[in-house]
Amino acid sequence: MRGSGPTAVMGEEDDPSCLTEAEARELVAGSPWRRLVVIGDGAANGVGEHVEGFGRKPWADRVAAVLRTVCPGLAYINLGRRNVLAADVRARQLAKALALRPTLAVIACGGTDVLGEPFDAYAVEIELSRMIGPLRDTGCTVLTMGVPDISCSELAVSQRKAEVRYRVRLLAERTEAISLRHGALYVDLARRPVSPGPSPWSSNAPYLNGRGHAIAAAAVIRGLGLLEKCS
């Protein structure tokens, strides 16, 4: 997900990177999922800065709200925590997620690893596999998310932008590959183009802001809609 300068986009309703409520409901009409669990790092549970014209809900809450228009009794829990590595997500959150017997699980992690030293994309790939596999073995639909391109955030150190961008794209490739291997759905936020408008990044942290969360939610919902059509 790349940042962009302010232009004609005035708010969520006219942002082509987002979805209207009606569009989102149509995409998940007939949704089979009854229990949604989200695990991950700050990408999973972050609450970004408010952006005028955009809602305040984080992406995961938005996805749950849309699914509840189809299944009002949807059970939803977000186990994500900020500043944790992929290995910590697996060690601290996977067992809890499995105990909840989700029918849909979303894994959003790797950003903390990308910004850390040393960075080992292969190690993150292994951790992702160790999370996706057990969830898929229960019959759960699993969706993974590529880390948004953190190098575009306003706080990215200029001399590290190229390195961070390389790490994000490398991790995106590894995440997509391991997801396909396990039969999971992959949503690519790393290389997703964003329509012109306000930056999707918070000004005080390498996390998505209100617009970024709206865009991420739309990407997940579009992915789920495509999955339904193909099933």
Protein backbone atom coordinates (compact mmCIF):
# COMPACT_ATOMS: atom_id res chain seq x y z
CA MET A 1 0.00 0.00 0.00
CA ARG A 2 1.67 3.13 -1.22
CA GLY A 3 0.98 6.65 0.01
CA SER A 4 -0.41 9.37 -2.20
CA GLY A 5 -0.84 13.12 -2.22
CA PRO A 6 -4.14 14.90 -1.59
CA THR A 7 -6.28 15.39 -4.68
CA ALA A 8 -9.95 15.00 -5.55
CA VAL A 9 -10.83 12.33 -2.95
CA MET A 10 -12.88 14.07 -0.27
CA GLY A 11 -13.92 11.10 1.85
CA GLU A 12 -14.60 7.41 2.10
CA GLU A 13 -17.77 7.44 0.00
CA ASP A 14 -15.97 8.75 -3.09
CA ASP A 15 -12.66 6.91 -2.60
CA PRO A 16 -12.35 4.18 -5.25
CA SER A 17 -9.90 2.31 -3.02
CA CYS A 18 -12.69 1.89 -0.44
CA LEU A 19 -16.14 0.30 -0.51
CA THR A 20 -19.55 1.72 0.27
CA GLU A 21 -21.64 -0.18 2.81
CA ALA A 22 -23.89 -1.46 0.02
CA GLU A 23 -20.93 -2.67 -2.07
CA ALA A 24 -19.40 -4.43 0.93
CA ARG A 25 -22.67 -6.18 1.83
CA GLU A 26 -23.14 -7.38 -1.72
CA LEU A 27 -19.66 -8.88 -1.84
CA VAL A 28 -20.21 -11.05 1.26
CA ALA A 29 -23.85 -11.95 0.64
CA GLY A 30 -24.21 -15.63 1.48
CA SER A 31 -21.13 -15.62 3.71
CA PRO A 32 -20.69 -19.06 5.38
CA TRP A 33 -18.50 -17.83 8.24
CA ARG A 34 -19.84 -17.78 11.80
CA ARG A 35 -16.74 -17.32 13.96
CA LEU A 36 -14.01 -14.82 13.01
CA VAL A 37 -10.63 -14.66 14.76
CA VAL A 38 -7.84 -12.21 13.92
CA ILE A 39 -4.26 -12.78 15.08
CA GLY A 40 -1.14 -10.75 14.44
CA ASP A 41 0.93 -7.71 15.39
CA GLY A 42 0.10 -4.00 15.16
CA ALA A 43 -1.24 -4.59 11.65
CA ALA A 44 -4.00 -6.69 13.22
CA ASN A 45 -5.18 -4.47 16.05
CA GLY A 46 -3.83 -1.00 15.33
CA VAL A 47 -6.13 2.02 15.65
CA GLY A 48 -4.90 4.78 13.37
CA GLU A 49 -5.24 8.52 13.37
CA HIS A 50 -8.58 9.94 12.36
CA VAL A 51 -8.80 11.28 8.79
CA GLU A 52 -11.57 13.73 7.97
CA GLY A 53 -14.23 12.06 5.84
CA PHE A 54 -13.28 8.52 6.87
CA GLY A 55 -14.67 6.29 9.60
CA ARG A 56 -12.82 5.61 12.83
CA LYS A 57 -13.11 1.81 13.00
CA PRO A 58 -9.97 -0.29 12.39
CA TRP A 59 -10.05 -2.63 9.41
CA ALA A 60 -10.76 -5.84 11.37
CA ASP A 61 -13.77 -4.31 13.13
CA ARG A 62 -15.02 -3.09 9.76
CA VAL A 63 -14.78 -6.57 8.27
CA ALA A 64 -16.62 -8.08 11.24
CA ALA A 65 -19.35 -5.44 10.98
CA VAL A 66 -19.90 -6.23 7.29
CA LEU A 67 -20.03 -9.98 7.94
CA ARG A 68 -22.59 -9.37 10.67
CA THR A 69 -24.94 -7.85 8.12
CA VAL A 70 -25.15 -11.39 6.71
CA CYS A 71 -24.75 -13.29 9.98
CA PRO A 72 -25.94 -11.14 12.92
CA GLY A 73 -24.69 -13.78 15.38
CA LEU A 74 -21.11 -13.71 14.11
CA ALA A 75 -18.63 -14.28 16.95
CA TYR A 76 -15.55 -12.10 16.56
CA ILE A 77 -12.36 -11.63 18.56
CA ASN A 78 -9.12 -9.85 17.72
CA LEU A 79 -6.11 -11.31 19.54
CA GLY A 80 -3.56 -9.07 17.82
CA ARG A 81 -0.97 -7.15 19.83
CA ARG A 82 1.42 -4.38 18.83
CA ASN A 83 5.19 -4.76 18.74
CA VAL A 84 5.30 -8.56 18.58
CA LEU A 85 7.28 -10.70 16.16
CA ALA A 86 5.72 -13.41 14.02
CA ALA A 87 7.19 -16.03 16.36
CA ASP A 88 5.46 -14.36 19.31
CA VAL A 89 2.15 -14.30 17.43
CA ARG A 90 2.38 -18.05 16.94
CA ALA A 91 3.52 -18.76 20.49
CA ARG A 92 1.01 -16.51 22.27
CA GLN A 93 -2.03 -16.31 20.02
CA LEU A 94 -2.38 -19.46 17.90
CA ALA A 95 -3.53 -21.82 20.69
CA LYS A 96 -6.12 -19.28 21.81
CA ALA A 97 -7.34 -18.90 18.25
CA LEU A 98 -7.66 -22.65 17.75
CA ALA A 99 -9.58 -23.00 21.02
CA LEU A 100 -12.21 -20.61 19.66
CA ARG A 101 -12.85 -22.93 16.67
CA PRO A 102 -12.97 -20.17 14.05
CA THR A 103 -14.55 -20.72 10.67
CA LEU A 104 -12.59 -17.72 9.34
CA ALA A 105 -9.17 -16.66 10.61
CA VAL A 106 -7.11 -13.67 9.49
CA ILE A 107 -3.34 -13.55 10.07
CA ALA A 108 -1.75 -10.11 9.84
CA CYS A 109 1.86 -9.99 11.01
CA GLY A 110 5.43 -9.50 9.88
CA GLY A 111 5.66 -5.72 10.09
CA THR A 112 7.53 -5.82 13.40
CA ASP A 113 9.96 -8.33 11.90
CA VAL A 114 10.49 -6.11 8.82
CA LEU A 115 11.51 -3.15 10.98
CA GLY A 116 13.74 -5.21 13.29
CA GLU A 117 17.35 -6.35 13.10
CA PRO A 118 18.24 -8.83 11.88
CA PHE A 119 15.41 -9.55 9.45
CA ASP A 120 14.96 -13.16 8.32
CA ALA A 121 12.18 -13.54 5.75
CA TYR A 122 12.57 -17.32 5.76
CA ALA A 123 12.06 -17.48 9.53
CA VAL A 124 8.87 -15.42 9.22
CA GLU A 125 7.68 -17.72 6.41
CA ILE A 126 8.19 -20.75 8.67
CA GLU A 127 6.23 -19.11 11.48
CA LEU A 128 3.40 -18.27 9.09
CA SER A 129 3.32 -21.88 7.92
CA ARG A 130 3.13 -23.05 11.54
CA MET A 131 0.08 -20.82 12.04
CA ILE A 132 -1.74 -21.38 8.75
CA GLY A 133 -1.35 -25.17 8.79
CA PRO A 134 -3.07 -25.95 12.12
CA LEU A 135 -5.91 -23.55 11.33
CA ARG A 136 -6.46 -25.05 7.89
CA ASP A 137 -6.37 -28.56 9.40
CA THR A 138 -9.55 -27.70 11.33
CA GLY A 139 -11.36 -26.78 8.10
CA CYS A 140 -11.08 -23.06 8.84
CA THR A 141 -10.84 -20.56 6.00
CA VAL A 142 -7.58 -18.66 6.47
CA LEU A 143 -6.77 -15.25 5.02
CA THR A 144 -3.27 -13.78 5.20
CA MET A 145 -2.31 -10.17 4.57
CA GLY A 146 0.85 -8.84 3.00
CA VAL A 147 2.43 -6.13 5.15
CA PRO A 148 1.61 -2.66 3.76
CA ASP A 149 4.66 -0.89 2.33
CA ILE A 150 5.93 0.68 5.56
CA SER A 151 8.64 2.50 3.60
CA CYS A 152 5.93 4.92 2.44
CA SER A 153 4.97 5.96 5.98
CA GLU A 154 5.93 9.47 7.01
CA LEU A 155 8.19 8.19 9.80
CA ALA A 156 10.25 5.88 7.58
CA VAL A 157 13.87 6.97 7.81
CA SER A 158 14.90 8.19 4.37
CA GLN A 159 18.14 6.22 4.23
CA ARG A 160 16.29 2.99 5.10
CA LYS A 161 13.38 3.39 2.69
CA ALA A 162 14.90 1.23 -0.03
CA GLU A 163 15.88 -1.49 2.42
CA VAL A 164 12.46 -1.56 4.10
CA ARG A 165 10.71 -1.59 0.71
CA TYR A 166 12.83 -4.59 -0.33
CA ARG A 167 12.00 -6.42 2.91
CA VAL A 168 8.28 -5.73 2.56
CA ARG A 169 8.20 -7.06 -1.00
CA LEU A 170 10.30 -10.10 -0.12
CA LEU A 171 7.97 -10.93 2.76
CA ALA A 172 4.95 -10.41 0.49
CA GLU A 173 6.33 -12.98 -1.95
CA ARG A 174 7.01 -15.47 0.85
CA THR A 175 3.61 -14.90 2.47
CA GLU A 176 1.79 -15.39 -0.82
CA ALA A 177 3.71 -18.57 -1.59
CA ILE A 178 3.14 -20.20 1.79
CA SER A 179 -0.52 -19.17 1.75
CA LEU A 180 -1.10 -20.81 -1.64
CA ARG A 181 0.73 -23.92 -0.44
CA HIS A 182 -1.71 -24.27 2.46
CA GLY A 183 -4.81 -23.33 0.49
CA ALA A 184 -5.18 -19.98 2.26
CA LEU A 185 -6.37 -16.73 0.69
CA TYR A 186 -3.70 -14.03 0.34
CA VAL A 187 -4.51 -10.31 0.24
CA ASP A 188 -1.62 -8.23 -1.02
CA LEU A 189 -1.43 -4.86 0.72
CA ALA A 190 2.30 -4.55 0.02
CA ARG A 191 1.95 -3.94 -3.71
CA ARG A 192 -1.64 -2.70 -3.82
CA PRO A 193 -1.96 0.66 -5.62
CA VAL A 194 -3.92 3.34 -3.77
CA SER A 195 -6.01 5.97 -5.52
CA PRO A 196 -4.85 9.58 -5.12
CA GLY A 197 -5.95 11.21 -1.88
CA PRO A 198 -4.80 11.70 1.71
CA SER A 199 -1.91 9.55 2.88
CA PRO A 200 -3.06 6.19 4.33
CA TRP A 201 -0.37 6.40 7.02
CA SER A 202 -0.47 7.84 10.54
CA SER A 203 1.88 10.77 11.08
CA ASN A 204 3.24 9.59 14.44
CA ALA A 205 3.77 5.84 13.89
CA PRO A 206 4.33 3.34 11.06
CA TYR A 207 0.67 2.30 11.19
CA LEU A 208 -2.32 2.89 8.95
CA ASN A 209 -4.57 5.87 9.65
CA GLY A 210 -8.34 6.05 9.19
CA ARG A 211 -8.08 6.03 5.40
CA GLY A 212 -5.56 3.20 5.48
CA HIS A 213 -7.87 1.08 7.62
CA ALA A 214 -10.78 1.73 5.24
CA ILE A 215 -8.61 0.66 2.29
CA ALA A 216 -7.34 -2.46 4.10
CA ALA A 217 -10.90 -3.47 5.06
CA ALA A 218 -12.03 -3.06 1.45
CA ALA A 219 -9.16 -5.25 0.25
CA VAL A 220 -10.07 -8.02 2.71
CA ILE A 221 -13.78 -7.85 1.85
CA ARG A 222 -13.02 -7.95 -1.87
CA GLY A 223 -10.84 -11.00 -1.25
CA LEU A 224 -13.58 -12.75 0.70
CA GLY A 225 -16.06 -11.90 -2.02
CA LEU A 226 -13.81 -13.42 -4.65
CA LEU A 227 -13.38 -16.52 -2.49
CA GLU A 228 -17.16 -16.93 -2.26
CA LYS A 229 -17.56 -16.69 -6.03
CA CYS A 230 -14.89 -19.33 -6.58
CA SER A 231 -16.27 -21.77 -3.98
